[in-house]
Amino acid sequence: MMGQAKVDETLLADAAYLPGQVANLTRGASVTAQTNEILERIDDMLLREGTDKAEIILANIWLSDLASFEEMNRAWDAWMPDSGTPRRATFEDKNLPPMCAIRIDVAASRKSGAGQI
């Protein structure tokens, strides 16, 4: 019999999870345009969660075509602070919603003393 996975409630309380971010306004546009839209939304969402992109600890990125990796990566690198990029994995997903070239999930630590707004 398998035991139930244990979750560190303190860790969960100190992190912001933003799963499933896809483009809305730029659906069908270039990977760069879609990536920039998603990253701008992530900036806003992280701010509301009491943190920012410098605190991202993990990012998973799904591309409808891995051939667009370099295009996505240029937008990502331009967006990331000089302190460097977090752990990141990129996958190909042919089943993204129609006209969506990219999906991004991130997890970020909340800044000390910050909570959900």
PDB file of N, CA and C in Angstrom:
ATOM      1  N   MET A   1       0.839  -1.179   0.000  1.00  0.00           N
ATOM      2  CA  MET A   1       0.000   0.000   0.000  1.00  0.00           C
ATOM      3  C   MET A   1       0.883   1.241   0.000  1.00  0.00           C
ATOM      4  N   MET A   2       0.561   2.178  -0.866  1.00  0.00           N
ATOM      5  CA  MET A   2       1.349   3.405  -0.941  1.00  0.00           C
ATOM      6  C   MET A   2       0.809   4.418   0.063  1.00  0.00           C
ATOM      7  N   GLY A   3       1.712   5.132   0.674  1.00  0.00           N
ATOM      8  CA  GLY A   3       1.309   6.172   1.612  1.00  0.00           C
ATOM      9  C   GLY A   3       0.947   7.450   0.874  1.00  0.00           C
ATOM     10  N   GLN A   4       0.241   8.310   1.551  1.00  0.00           N
ATOM     11  CA  GLN A   4      -0.136   9.592   0.964  1.00  0.00           C
ATOM     12  C   GLN A   4       1.082  10.519   0.957  1.00  0.00           C
ATOM     13  N   ALA A   5       1.278  11.223  -0.136  1.00  0.00           N
ATOM     14  CA  ALA A   5       2.404  12.146  -0.242  1.00  0.00           C
ATOM     15  C   ALA A   5       2.258  13.248   0.799  1.00  0.00           C
ATOM     16  N   LYS A   6       3.359  13.571   1.420  1.00  0.00           N
ATOM     17  CA  LYS A   6       3.342  14.637   2.412  1.00  0.00           C
ATOM     18  C   LYS A   6       3.704  15.950   1.739  1.00  0.00           C
ATOM     19  N   VAL A   7       3.064  16.997   2.175  1.00  0.00           N
ATOM     20  CA  VAL A   7       3.303  18.323   1.614  1.00  0.00           C
ATOM     21  C   VAL A   7       3.724  19.249   2.736  1.00  0.00           C
ATOM     22  N   ASP A   8       4.797  19.973   2.523  1.00  0.00           N
ATOM     23  CA  ASP A   8       5.258  20.954   3.489  1.00  0.00           C
ATOM     24  C   ASP A   8       4.405  22.208   3.329  1.00  0.00           C
ATOM     25  N   GLU A   9       3.456  22.399   4.256  1.00  0.00           N
ATOM     26  CA  GLU A   9       2.524  23.526   4.163  1.00  0.00           C
ATOM     27  C   GLU A   9       3.258  24.871   4.211  1.00  0.00           C
ATOM     28  N   THR A  10       4.358  24.936   4.920  1.00  0.00           N
ATOM     29  CA  THR A  10       5.127  26.179   4.986  1.00  0.00           C
ATOM     30  C   THR A  10       5.686  26.523   3.612  1.00  0.00           C
ATOM     31  N   LEU A  11       6.209  25.530   2.932  1.00  0.00           N
ATOM     32  CA  LEU A  11       6.751  25.748   1.592  1.00  0.00           C
ATOM     33  C   LEU A  11       5.658  26.236   0.655  1.00  0.00           C
ATOM     34  N   LEU A  12       4.488  25.594   0.706  1.00  0.00           N
ATOM     35  CA  LEU A  12       3.383  25.994  -0.162  1.00  0.00           C
ATOM     36  C   LEU A  12       2.934  27.421   0.125  1.00  0.00           C
ATOM     37  N   ALA A  13       2.903  27.798   1.370  1.00  0.00           N
ATOM     38  CA  ALA A  13       2.453  29.143   1.741  1.00  0.00           C
ATOM     39  C   ALA A  13       3.427  30.208   1.261  1.00  0.00           C
ATOM     40  N   ASP A  14       4.673  29.817   1.087  1.00  0.00           N
ATOM     41  CA  ASP A  14       5.705  30.778   0.702  1.00  0.00           C
ATOM     42  C   ASP A  14       5.977  30.793  -0.797  1.00  0.00           C
ATOM     43  N   ALA A  15       5.106  30.155  -1.575  1.00  0.00           N
ATOM     44  CA  ALA A  15       5.321  30.098  -3.021  1.00  0.00           C
ATOM     45  C   ALA A  15       4.059  30.526  -3.763  1.00  0.00           C
ATOM     46  N   ALA A  16       4.282  31.082  -4.938  1.00  0.00           N
ATOM     47  CA  ALA A  16       3.185  31.442  -5.842  1.00  0.00           C
ATOM     48  C   ALA A  16       3.285  30.530  -7.054  1.00  0.00           C
ATOM     49  N   TYR A  17       2.197  29.890  -7.389  1.00  0.00           N
ATOM     50  CA  TYR A  17       2.158  28.978  -8.531  1.00  0.00           C
ATOM     51  C   TYR A  17       1.272  29.580  -9.608  1.00  0.00           C
ATOM     52  N   LEU A  18       1.793  29.686 -10.819  1.00  0.00           N
ATOM     53  CA  LEU A  18       1.054  30.266 -11.942  1.00  0.00           C
ATOM     54  C   LEU A  18       1.059  29.279 -13.098  1.00  0.00           C
ATOM     55  N   PRO A  19       0.189  28.291 -13.055  1.00  0.00           N
ATOM     56  CA  PRO A  19       0.179  27.271 -14.108  1.00  0.00           C
ATOM     57  C   PRO A  19      -0.640  27.682 -15.331  1.00  0.00           C
ATOM     58  N   GLY A  20      -0.309  27.082 -16.462  1.00  0.00           N
ATOM     59  CA  GLY A  20      -1.156  27.144 -17.652  1.00  0.00           C
ATOM     60  C   GLY A  20      -1.307  28.490 -18.324  1.00  0.00           C
ATOM     61  N   GLN A  21      -0.268  29.294 -18.325  1.00  0.00           N
ATOM     62  CA  GLN A  21      -0.372  30.619 -18.947  1.00  0.00           C
ATOM     63  C   GLN A  21      -0.198  30.506 -20.461  1.00  0.00           C
ATOM     64  N   VAL A  22      -1.243  30.879 -21.185  1.00  0.00           N
ATOM     65  CA  VAL A  22      -1.208  30.890 -22.652  1.00  0.00           C
ATOM     66  C   VAL A  22      -1.604  32.272 -23.144  1.00  0.00           C
ATOM     67  N   ALA A  23      -1.282  32.553 -24.382  1.00  0.00           N
ATOM     68  CA  ALA A  23      -1.610  33.854 -24.981  1.00  0.00           C
ATOM     69  C   ALA A  23      -3.107  33.966 -25.204  1.00  0.00           C
ATOM     70  N   ASN A  24      -3.623  35.158 -25.021  1.00  0.00           N
ATOM     71  CA  ASN A  24      -5.021  35.470 -25.331  1.00  0.00           C
ATOM     72  C   ASN A  24      -5.087  36.460 -26.484  1.00  0.00           C
ATOM     73  N   LEU A  25      -4.474  37.610 -26.296  1.00  0.00           N
ATOM     74  CA  LEU A  25      -4.545  38.690 -27.287  1.00  0.00           C
ATOM     75  C   LEU A  25      -3.725  38.399 -28.534  1.00  0.00           C
ATOM     76  N   THR A  26      -2.654  37.632 -28.369  1.00  0.00           N
ATOM     77  CA  THR A  26      -1.742  37.388 -29.498  1.00  0.00           C
ATOM     78  C   THR A  26      -1.845  35.969 -30.041  1.00  0.00           C
ATOM     79  N   ARG A  27      -2.900  35.259 -29.699  1.00  0.00           N
ATOM     80  CA  ARG A  27      -3.094  33.899 -30.235  1.00  0.00           C
ATOM     81  C   ARG A  27      -3.002  33.928 -31.744  1.00  0.00           C
ATOM     82  N   GLY A  28      -2.220  33.034 -32.304  1.00  0.00           N
ATOM     83  CA  GLY A  28      -2.041  32.971 -33.745  1.00  0.00           C
ATOM     84  C   GLY A  28      -0.894  33.824 -34.251  1.00  0.00           C
ATOM     85  N   ALA A  29      -0.368  34.695 -33.390  1.00  0.00           N
ATOM     86  CA  ALA A  29       0.773  35.546 -33.767  1.00  0.00           C
ATOM     87  C   ALA A  29       2.067  34.744 -33.560  1.00  0.00           C
ATOM     88  N   SER A  30       3.196  35.398 -33.735  1.00  0.00           N
ATOM     89  CA  SER A  30       4.501  34.744 -33.613  1.00  0.00           C
ATOM     90  C   SER A  30       4.728  34.225 -32.197  1.00  0.00           C
ATOM     91  N   VAL A  31       5.673  33.299 -32.076  1.00  0.00           N
ATOM     92  CA  VAL A  31       6.072  32.789 -30.757  1.00  0.00           C
ATOM     93  C   VAL A  31       6.579  33.937 -29.893  1.00  0.00           C
ATOM     94  N   THR A  32       7.319  34.864 -30.483  1.00  0.00           N
ATOM     95  CA  THR A  32       7.822  36.017 -29.730  1.00  0.00           C
ATOM     96  C   THR A  32       6.674  36.833 -29.157  1.00  0.00           C
ATOM     97  N   ALA A  33       5.692  37.153 -29.966  1.00  0.00           N
ATOM     98  CA  ALA A  33       4.548  37.952 -29.499  1.00  0.00           C
ATOM     99  C   ALA A  33       3.795  37.221 -28.397  1.00  0.00           C
ATOM    100  N   GLN A  34       3.552  35.923 -28.588  1.00  0.00           N
ATOM    101  CA  GLN A  34       2.828  35.158 -27.569  1.00  0.00           C
ATOM    102  C   GLN A  34       3.644  35.064 -26.277  1.00  0.00           C
ATOM    103  N   THR A  35       4.940  34.816 -26.413  1.00  0.00           N
ATOM    104  CA  THR A  35       5.799  34.726 -25.230  1.00  0.00           C
ATOM    105  C   THR A  35       5.798  36.042 -24.474  1.00  0.00           C
ATOM    106  N   ASN A  36       5.952  37.154 -25.174  1.00  0.00           N
ATOM    107  CA  ASN A  36       5.969  38.464 -24.510  1.00  0.00           C
ATOM    108  C   ASN A  36       4.658  38.746 -23.792  1.00  0.00           C
ATOM    109  N   GLU A  37       3.533  38.404 -24.411  1.00  0.00           N
ATOM    110  CA  GLU A  37       2.237  38.607 -23.747  1.00  0.00           C
ATOM    111  C   GLU A  37       2.154  37.802 -22.448  1.00  0.00           C
ATOM    112  N   ILE A  38       2.544  36.540 -22.523  1.00  0.00           N
ATOM    113  CA  ILE A  38       2.484  35.680 -21.346  1.00  0.00           C
ATOM    114  C   ILE A  38       3.420  36.199 -20.253  1.00  0.00           C
ATOM    115  N   LEU A  39       4.624  36.592 -20.618  1.00  0.00           N
ATOM    116  CA  LEU A  39       5.593  37.069 -19.623  1.00  0.00           C
ATOM    117  C   LEU A  39       5.128  38.365 -18.971  1.00  0.00           C
ATOM    118  N   GLU A  40       4.490  39.245 -19.718  1.00  0.00           N
ATOM    119  CA  GLU A  40       3.927  40.467 -19.124  1.00  0.00           C
ATOM    120  C   GLU A  40       2.837  40.108 -18.112  1.00  0.00           C
ATOM    121  N   ARG A  41       1.986  39.137 -18.451  1.00  0.00           N
ATOM    122  CA  ARG A  41       0.940  38.701 -17.522  1.00  0.00           C
ATOM    123  C   ARG A  41       1.558  38.086 -16.272  1.00  0.00           C
ATOM    124  N   ILE A  42       2.602  37.269 -16.461  1.00  0.00           N
ATOM    125  CA  ILE A  42       3.279  36.661 -15.312  1.00  0.00           C
ATOM    126  C   ILE A  42       3.847  37.739 -14.406  1.00  0.00           C
ATOM    127  N   ASP A  43       4.453  38.787 -14.968  1.00  0.00           N
ATOM    128  CA  ASP A  43       4.936  39.911 -14.152  1.00  0.00           C
ATOM    129  C   ASP A  43       3.817  40.460 -13.276  1.00  0.00           C
ATOM    130  N   ASP A  44       2.660  40.726 -13.874  1.00  0.00           N
ATOM    131  CA  ASP A  44       1.518  41.285 -13.132  1.00  0.00           C
ATOM    132  C   ASP A  44       1.025  40.316 -12.057  1.00  0.00           C
ATOM    133  N   MET A  45       0.914  39.045 -12.410  1.00  0.00           N
ATOM    134  CA  MET A  45       0.420  38.053 -11.455  1.00  0.00           C
ATOM    135  C   MET A  45       1.391  37.870 -10.294  1.00  0.00           C
ATOM    136  N   LEU A  46       2.681  37.864 -10.576  1.00  0.00           N
ATOM    137  CA  LEU A  46       3.670  37.730  -9.513  1.00  0.00           C
ATOM    138  C   LEU A  46       3.610  38.926  -8.566  1.00  0.00           C
ATOM    139  N   LEU A  47       3.444  40.107  -9.098  1.00  0.00           N
ATOM    140  CA  LEU A  47       3.324  41.301  -8.262  1.00  0.00           C
ATOM    141  C   LEU A  47       2.138  41.167  -7.314  1.00  0.00           C
ATOM    142  N   ARG A  48       1.005  40.705  -7.837  1.00  0.00           N
ATOM    143  CA  ARG A  48      -0.185  40.511  -6.989  1.00  0.00           C
ATOM    144  C   ARG A  48       0.050  39.440  -5.924  1.00  0.00           C
ATOM    145  N   GLU A  49       0.963  38.519  -6.200  1.00  0.00           N
ATOM    146  CA  GLU A  49       1.278  37.448  -5.247  1.00  0.00           C
ATOM    147  C   GLU A  49       2.388  37.842  -4.268  1.00  0.00           C
ATOM    148  N   GLY A  50       2.868  39.068  -4.371  1.00  0.00           N
ATOM    149  CA  GLY A  50       3.885  39.537  -3.434  1.00  0.00           C
ATOM    150  C   GLY A  50       5.295  39.106  -3.783  1.00  0.00           C
ATOM    151  N   THR A  51       5.563  38.984  -5.088  1.00  0.00           N
ATOM    152  CA  THR A  51       6.894  38.564  -5.513  1.00  0.00           C
ATOM    153  C   THR A  51       7.186  39.138  -6.893  1.00  0.00           C
ATOM    154  N   ASP A  52       8.254  38.697  -7.530  1.00  0.00           N
ATOM    155  CA  ASP A  52       8.565  39.143  -8.887  1.00  0.00           C
ATOM    156  C   ASP A  52       9.403  38.076  -9.594  1.00  0.00           C
ATOM    157  N   LYS A  53       9.738  38.323 -10.836  1.00  0.00           N
ATOM    158  CA  LYS A  53      10.425  37.316 -11.657  1.00  0.00           C
ATOM    159  C   LYS A  53      11.802  36.938 -11.124  1.00  0.00           C
ATOM    160  N   ALA A  54      12.425  37.792 -10.340  1.00  0.00           N
ATOM    161  CA  ALA A  54      13.725  37.456  -9.755  1.00  0.00           C
ATOM    162  C   ALA A  54      13.601  36.315  -8.752  1.00  0.00           C
ATOM    163  N   GLU A  55      12.385  36.038  -8.292  1.00  0.00           N
ATOM    164  CA  GLU A  55      12.142  34.995  -7.295  1.00  0.00           C
ATOM    165  C   GLU A  55      11.625  33.694  -7.908  1.00  0.00           C
ATOM    166  N   ILE A  56      11.554  33.607  -9.242  1.00  0.00           N
ATOM    167  CA  ILE A  56      11.089  32.373  -9.879  1.00  0.00           C
ATOM    168  C   ILE A  56      12.083  31.261  -9.589  1.00  0.00           C
ATOM    169  N   ILE A  57      11.558  30.137  -9.122  1.00  0.00           N
ATOM    170  CA  ILE A  57      12.410  29.002  -8.783  1.00  0.00           C
ATOM    171  C   ILE A  57      12.276  27.860  -9.786  1.00  0.00           C
ATOM    172  N   LEU A  58      11.207  27.890 -10.590  1.00  0.00           N
ATOM    173  CA  LEU A  58      10.975  26.810 -11.537  1.00  0.00           C
ATOM    174  C   LEU A  58      10.080  27.309 -12.660  1.00  0.00           C
ATOM    175  N   ALA A  59      10.402  26.931 -13.882  1.00  0.00           N
ATOM    176  CA  ALA A  59       9.553  27.253 -15.026  1.00  0.00           C
ATOM    177  C   ALA A  59       9.494  26.037 -15.945  1.00  0.00           C
ATOM    178  N   ASN A  60       8.294  25.715 -16.388  1.00  0.00           N
ATOM    179  CA  ASN A  60       8.087  24.693 -17.410  1.00  0.00           C
ATOM    180  C   ASN A  60       7.445  25.376 -18.603  1.00  0.00           C
ATOM    181  N   ILE A  61       7.989  25.099 -19.767  1.00  0.00           N
ATOM    182  CA  ILE A  61       7.511  25.746 -20.990  1.00  0.00           C
ATOM    183  C   ILE A  61       7.160  24.656 -21.992  1.00  0.00           C
ATOM    184  N   TRP A  62       5.973  24.786 -22.562  1.00  0.00           N
ATOM    185  CA  TRP A  62       5.526  23.863 -23.601  1.00  0.00           C
ATOM    186  C   TRP A  62       5.422  24.632 -24.902  1.00  0.00           C
ATOM    187  N   LEU A  63       6.036  24.117 -25.949  1.00  0.00           N
ATOM    188  CA  LEU A  63       5.973  24.715 -27.276  1.00  0.00           C
ATOM    189  C   LEU A  63       5.240  23.762 -28.211  1.00  0.00           C
ATOM    190  N   SER A  64       4.405  24.294 -29.081  1.00  0.00           N
ATOM    191  CA  SER A  64       3.722  23.433 -30.042  1.00  0.00           C
ATOM    192  C   SER A  64       4.701  22.851 -31.052  1.00  0.00           C
ATOM    193  N   ASP A  65       5.862  23.498 -31.201  1.00  0.00           N
ATOM    194  CA  ASP A  65       6.900  23.027 -32.116  1.00  0.00           C
ATOM    195  C   ASP A  65       8.261  23.394 -31.528  1.00  0.00           C
ATOM    196  N   LEU A  66       9.051  22.407 -31.166  1.00  0.00           N
ATOM    197  CA  LEU A  66      10.364  22.680 -30.573  1.00  0.00           C
ATOM    198  C   LEU A  66      11.281  23.465 -31.498  1.00  0.00           C
ATOM    199  N   ALA A  67      10.975  23.506 -32.780  1.00  0.00           N
ATOM    200  CA  ALA A  67      11.774  24.308 -33.711  1.00  0.00           C
ATOM    201  C   ALA A  67      11.710  25.800 -33.358  1.00  0.00           C
ATOM    202  N   SER A  68      10.713  26.202 -32.570  1.00  0.00           N
ATOM    203  CA  SER A  68      10.579  27.618 -32.179  1.00  0.00           C
ATOM    204  C   SER A  68      11.295  27.919 -30.862  1.00  0.00           C
ATOM    205  N   PHE A  69      12.098  26.970 -30.366  1.00  0.00           N
ATOM    206  CA  PHE A  69      12.791  27.159 -29.092  1.00  0.00           C
ATOM    207  C   PHE A  69      13.637  28.431 -29.070  1.00  0.00           C
ATOM    208  N   GLU A  70      14.452  28.643 -30.093  1.00  0.00           N
ATOM    209  CA  GLU A  70      15.352  29.810 -30.091  1.00  0.00           C
ATOM    210  C   GLU A  70      14.564  31.121 -30.060  1.00  0.00           C
ATOM    211  N   GLU A  71      13.458  31.177 -30.780  1.00  0.00           N
ATOM    212  CA  GLU A  71      12.619  32.389 -30.779  1.00  0.00           C
ATOM    213  C   GLU A  71      12.059  32.643 -29.379  1.00  0.00           C
ATOM    214  N   MET A  72      11.530  31.597 -28.738  1.00  0.00           N
ATOM    215  CA  MET A  72      11.029  31.733 -27.368  1.00  0.00           C
ATOM    216  C   MET A  72      12.156  32.124 -26.432  1.00  0.00           C
ATOM    217  N   ASN A  73      13.310  31.484 -26.588  1.00  0.00           N
ATOM    218  CA  ASN A  73      14.428  31.703 -25.682  1.00  0.00           C
ATOM    219  C   ASN A  73      14.945  33.136 -25.729  1.00  0.00           C
ATOM    220  N   ARG A  74      14.940  33.748 -26.901  1.00  0.00           N
ATOM    221  CA  ARG A  74      15.355  35.164 -27.006  1.00  0.00           C
ATOM    222  C   ARG A  74      14.421  36.054 -26.190  1.00  0.00           C
ATOM    223  N   ALA A  75      13.118  35.822 -26.289  1.00  0.00           N
ATOM    224  CA  ALA A  75      12.151  36.618 -25.515  1.00  0.00           C
ATOM    225  C   ALA A  75      12.326  36.358 -24.020  1.00  0.00           C
ATOM    226  N   TRP A  76      12.511  35.096 -23.651  1.00  0.00           N
ATOM    227  CA  TRP A  76      12.705  34.730 -22.244  1.00  0.00           C
ATOM    228  C   TRP A  76      13.954  35.409 -21.687  1.00  0.00           C
ATOM    229  N   ASP A  77      15.079  35.296 -22.402  1.00  0.00           N
ATOM    230  CA  ASP A  77      16.331  35.886 -21.927  1.00  0.00           C
ATOM    231  C   ASP A  77      16.238  37.400 -21.795  1.00  0.00           C
ATOM    232  N   ALA A  78      15.541  38.059 -22.704  1.00  0.00           N
ATOM    233  CA  ALA A  78      15.367  39.511 -22.619  1.00  0.00           C
ATOM    234  C   ALA A  78      14.522  39.894 -21.401  1.00  0.00           C
ATOM    235  N   TRP A  79      13.624  39.024 -20.995  1.00  0.00           N
ATOM    236  CA  TRP A  79      12.715  39.283 -19.879  1.00  0.00           C
ATOM    237  C   TRP A  79      13.359  39.017 -18.524  1.00  0.00           C
ATOM    238  N   MET A  80      14.237  38.011 -18.449  1.00  0.00           N
ATOM    239  CA  MET A  80      14.820  37.615 -17.165  1.00  0.00           C
ATOM    240  C   MET A  80      15.784  38.680 -16.653  1.00  0.00           C
ATOM    241  N   PRO A  81      15.822  38.848 -15.325  1.00  0.00           N
ATOM    242  CA  PRO A  81      16.787  39.808 -14.754  1.00  0.00           C
ATOM    243  C   PRO A  81      18.216  39.302 -14.921  1.00  0.00           C
ATOM    244  N   ASP A  82      19.155  40.190 -14.741  1.00  0.00           N
ATOM    245  CA  ASP A  82      20.571  39.850 -14.896  1.00  0.00           C
ATOM    246  C   ASP A  82      21.041  38.788 -13.906  1.00  0.00           C
ATOM    247  N   SER A  83      20.267  38.573 -12.842  1.00  0.00           N
ATOM    248  CA  SER A  83      20.668  37.585 -11.833  1.00  0.00           C
ATOM    249  C   SER A  83      20.611  36.155 -12.361  1.00  0.00           C
ATOM    250  N   GLY A  84      19.999  35.960 -13.528  1.00  0.00           N
ATOM    251  CA  GLY A  84      20.017  34.646 -14.155  1.00  0.00           C
ATOM    252  C   GLY A  84      18.651  33.996 -14.239  1.00  0.00           C
ATOM    253  N   THR A  85      18.620  32.925 -14.971  1.00  0.00           N
ATOM    254  CA  THR A  85      17.363  32.223 -15.201  1.00  0.00           C
ATOM    255  C   THR A  85      17.197  31.086 -14.190  1.00  0.00           C
ATOM    256  N   PRO A  86      15.968  30.795 -13.811  1.00  0.00           N
ATOM    257  CA  PRO A  86      15.738  29.695 -12.868  1.00  0.00           C
ATOM    258  C   PRO A  86      15.844  28.346 -13.573  1.00  0.00           C
ATOM    259  N   ARG A  87      15.671  27.277 -12.807  1.00  0.00           N
ATOM    260  CA  ARG A  87      15.567  25.955 -13.423  1.00  0.00           C
ATOM    261  C   ARG A  87      14.414  26.003 -14.402  1.00  0.00           C
ATOM    262  N   ARG A  88      14.658  25.476 -15.580  1.00  0.00           N
ATOM    263  CA  ARG A  88      13.632  25.565 -16.616  1.00  0.00           C
ATOM    264  C   ARG A  88      13.705  24.334 -17.497  1.00  0.00           C
ATOM    265  N   ALA A  89      12.539  23.820 -17.837  1.00  0.00           N
ATOM    266  CA  ALA A  89      12.460  22.708 -18.773  1.00  0.00           C
ATOM    267  C   ALA A  89      11.521  23.124 -19.902  1.00  0.00           C
ATOM    268  N   THR A  90      11.854  22.708 -21.106  1.00  0.00           N
ATOM    269  CA  THR A  90      11.024  23.023 -22.273  1.00  0.00           C
ATOM    270  C   THR A  90      10.647  21.713 -22.957  1.00  0.00           C
ATOM    271  N   PHE A  91       9.377  21.605 -23.283  1.00  0.00           N
ATOM    272  CA  PHE A  91       8.819  20.397 -23.883  1.00  0.00           C
ATOM    273  C   PHE A  91       8.069  20.744 -25.155  1.00  0.00           C
ATOM    274  N   GLU A  92       7.869  19.765 -25.987  1.00  0.00           N
ATOM    275  CA  GLU A  92       6.988  19.947 -27.145  1.00  0.00           C
ATOM    276  C   GLU A  92       5.618  19.362 -26.791  1.00  0.00           C
ATOM    277  N   ASP A  93       4.555  20.098 -27.135  1.00  0.00           N
ATOM    278  CA  ASP A  93       3.186  19.652 -26.892  1.00  0.00           C
ATOM    279  C   ASP A  93       2.338  19.996 -28.107  1.00  0.00           C
ATOM    280  N   LYS A  94       2.046  18.998 -28.899  1.00  0.00           N
ATOM    281  CA  LYS A  94       1.242  19.198 -30.110  1.00  0.00           C
ATOM    282  C   LYS A  94      -0.243  19.399 -29.778  1.00  0.00           C
ATOM    283  N   ASN A  95      -0.610  19.291 -28.496  1.00  0.00           N
ATOM    284  CA  ASN A  95      -2.012  19.408 -28.089  1.00  0.00           C
ATOM    285  C   ASN A  95      -2.327  20.701 -27.352  1.00  0.00           C
ATOM    286  N   LEU A  96      -1.519  21.737 -27.559  1.00  0.00           N
ATOM    287  CA  LEU A  96      -1.853  23.035 -26.977  1.00  0.00           C
ATOM    288  C   LEU A  96      -3.157  23.533 -27.603  1.00  0.00           C
ATOM    289  N   PRO A  97      -3.846  24.462 -26.931  1.00  0.00           N
ATOM    290  CA  PRO A  97      -5.088  24.991 -27.515  1.00  0.00           C
ATOM    291  C   PRO A  97      -4.846  25.560 -28.918  1.00  0.00           C
ATOM    292  N   PRO A  98      -5.891  25.609 -29.744  1.00  0.00           N
ATOM    293  CA  PRO A  98      -5.740  26.127 -31.109  1.00  0.00           C
ATOM    294  C   PRO A  98      -5.083  27.515 -31.139  1.00  0.00           C
ATOM    295  N   MET A  99      -4.156  27.673 -32.070  1.00  0.00           N
ATOM    296  CA  MET A  99      -3.452  28.933 -32.313  1.00  0.00           C
ATOM    297  C   MET A  99      -2.501  29.334 -31.180  1.00  0.00           C
ATOM    298  N   CYS A 100      -2.307  28.459 -30.182  1.00  0.00           N
ATOM    299  CA  CYS A 100      -1.363  28.728 -29.091  1.00  0.00           C
ATOM    300  C   CYS A 100      -0.052  28.028 -29.403  1.00  0.00           C
ATOM    301  N   ALA A 101       1.009  28.798 -29.459  1.00  0.00           N
ATOM    302  CA  ALA A 101       2.325  28.241 -29.755  1.00  0.00           C
ATOM    303  C   ALA A 101       3.101  27.910 -28.492  1.00  0.00           C
ATOM    304  N   ILE A 102       2.634  28.433 -27.336  1.00  0.00           N
ATOM    305  CA  ILE A 102       3.420  28.301 -26.106  1.00  0.00           C
ATOM    306  C   ILE A 102       2.513  28.340 -24.889  1.00  0.00           C
ATOM    307  N   ARG A 103       2.918  27.585 -23.872  1.00  0.00           N
ATOM    308  CA  ARG A 103       2.285  27.611 -22.550  1.00  0.00           C
ATOM    309  C   ARG A 103       3.417  27.687 -21.547  1.00  0.00           C
ATOM    310  N   ILE A 104       3.251  28.503 -20.501  1.00  0.00           N
ATOM    311  CA  ILE A 104       4.284  28.647 -19.480  1.00  0.00           C
ATOM    312  C   ILE A 104       3.670  28.446 -18.098  1.00  0.00           C
ATOM    313  N   ASP A 105       4.331  27.639 -17.274  1.00  0.00           N
ATOM    314  CA  ASP A 105       4.005  27.485 -15.855  1.00  0.00           C
ATOM    315  C   ASP A 105       5.203  27.996 -15.069  1.00  0.00           C
ATOM    316  N   VAL A 106       4.964  28.746 -14.008  1.00  0.00           N
ATOM    317  CA  VAL A 106       6.068  29.158 -13.142  1.00  0.00           C
ATOM    318  C   VAL A 106       5.681  28.985 -11.679  1.00  0.00           C
ATOM    319  N   ALA A 107       6.695  28.819 -10.851  1.00  0.00           N
ATOM    320  CA  ALA A 107       6.565  28.843  -9.401  1.00  0.00           C
ATOM    321  C   ALA A 107       7.611  29.821  -8.900  1.00  0.00           C
ATOM    322  N   ALA A 108       7.209  30.669  -7.952  1.00  0.00           N
ATOM    323  CA  ALA A 108       8.129  31.680  -7.422  1.00  0.00           C
ATOM    324  C   ALA A 108       7.996  31.748  -5.913  1.00  0.00           C
ATOM    325  N   SER A 109       9.104  32.010  -5.254  1.00  0.00           N
ATOM    326  CA  SER A 109       9.085  32.252  -3.817  1.00  0.00           C
ATOM    327  C   SER A 109       8.496  33.629  -3.548  1.00  0.00           C
ATOM    328  N   ARG A 110       7.691  33.712  -2.513  1.00  0.00           N
ATOM    329  CA  ARG A 110       7.191  35.034  -2.115  1.00  0.00           C
ATOM    330  C   ARG A 110       8.314  35.730  -1.351  1.00  0.00           C
ATOM    331  N   LYS A 111       8.389  37.029  -1.508  1.00  0.00           N
ATOM    332  CA  LYS A 111       9.399  37.793  -0.793  1.00  0.00           C
ATOM    333  C   LYS A 111       9.090  37.750   0.698  1.00  0.00           C
ATOM    334  N   SER A 112      10.080  37.819   1.522  1.00  0.00           N
ATOM    335  CA  SER A 112       9.926  37.745   2.960  1.00  0.00           C
ATOM    336  C   SER A 112       8.901  38.753   3.446  1.00  0.00           C
ATOM    337  N   GLY A 113       7.942  38.277   4.209  1.00  0.00           N
ATOM    338  CA  GLY A 113       6.916  39.158   4.758  1.00  0.00           C
ATOM    339  C   GLY A 113       5.768  39.427   3.830  1.00  0.00           C
ATOM    340  N   ALA A 114       5.821  38.919   2.604  1.00  0.00           N
ATOM    341  CA  ALA A 114       4.741  39.148   1.638  1.00  0.00           C
ATOM    342  C   ALA A 114       3.761  37.989   1.704  1.00  0.00           C
ATOM    343  N   GLY A 115       2.542  38.296   1.426  1.00  0.00           N
ATOM    344  CA  GLY A 115       1.499  37.279   1.351  1.00  0.00           C
ATOM    345  C   GLY A 115       0.648  37.523   0.146  1.00  0.00           C
ATOM    346  N   GLN A 116      -0.379  36.731   0.020  1.00  0.00           N
ATOM    347  CA  GLN A 116      -1.275  36.945  -1.101  1.00  0.00           C
ATOM    348  C   GLN A 116      -2.015  38.252  -0.941  1.00  0.00           C
ATOM    349  N   ILE A 117      -2.222  38.927  -2.036  1.00  0.00           N
ATOM    350  CA  ILE A 117      -2.958  40.189  -2.028  1.00  0.00           C
ATOM    351  C   ILE A 117      -4.372  39.911  -2.476  1.00  0.00           C
TER     352      ILE A 117
END
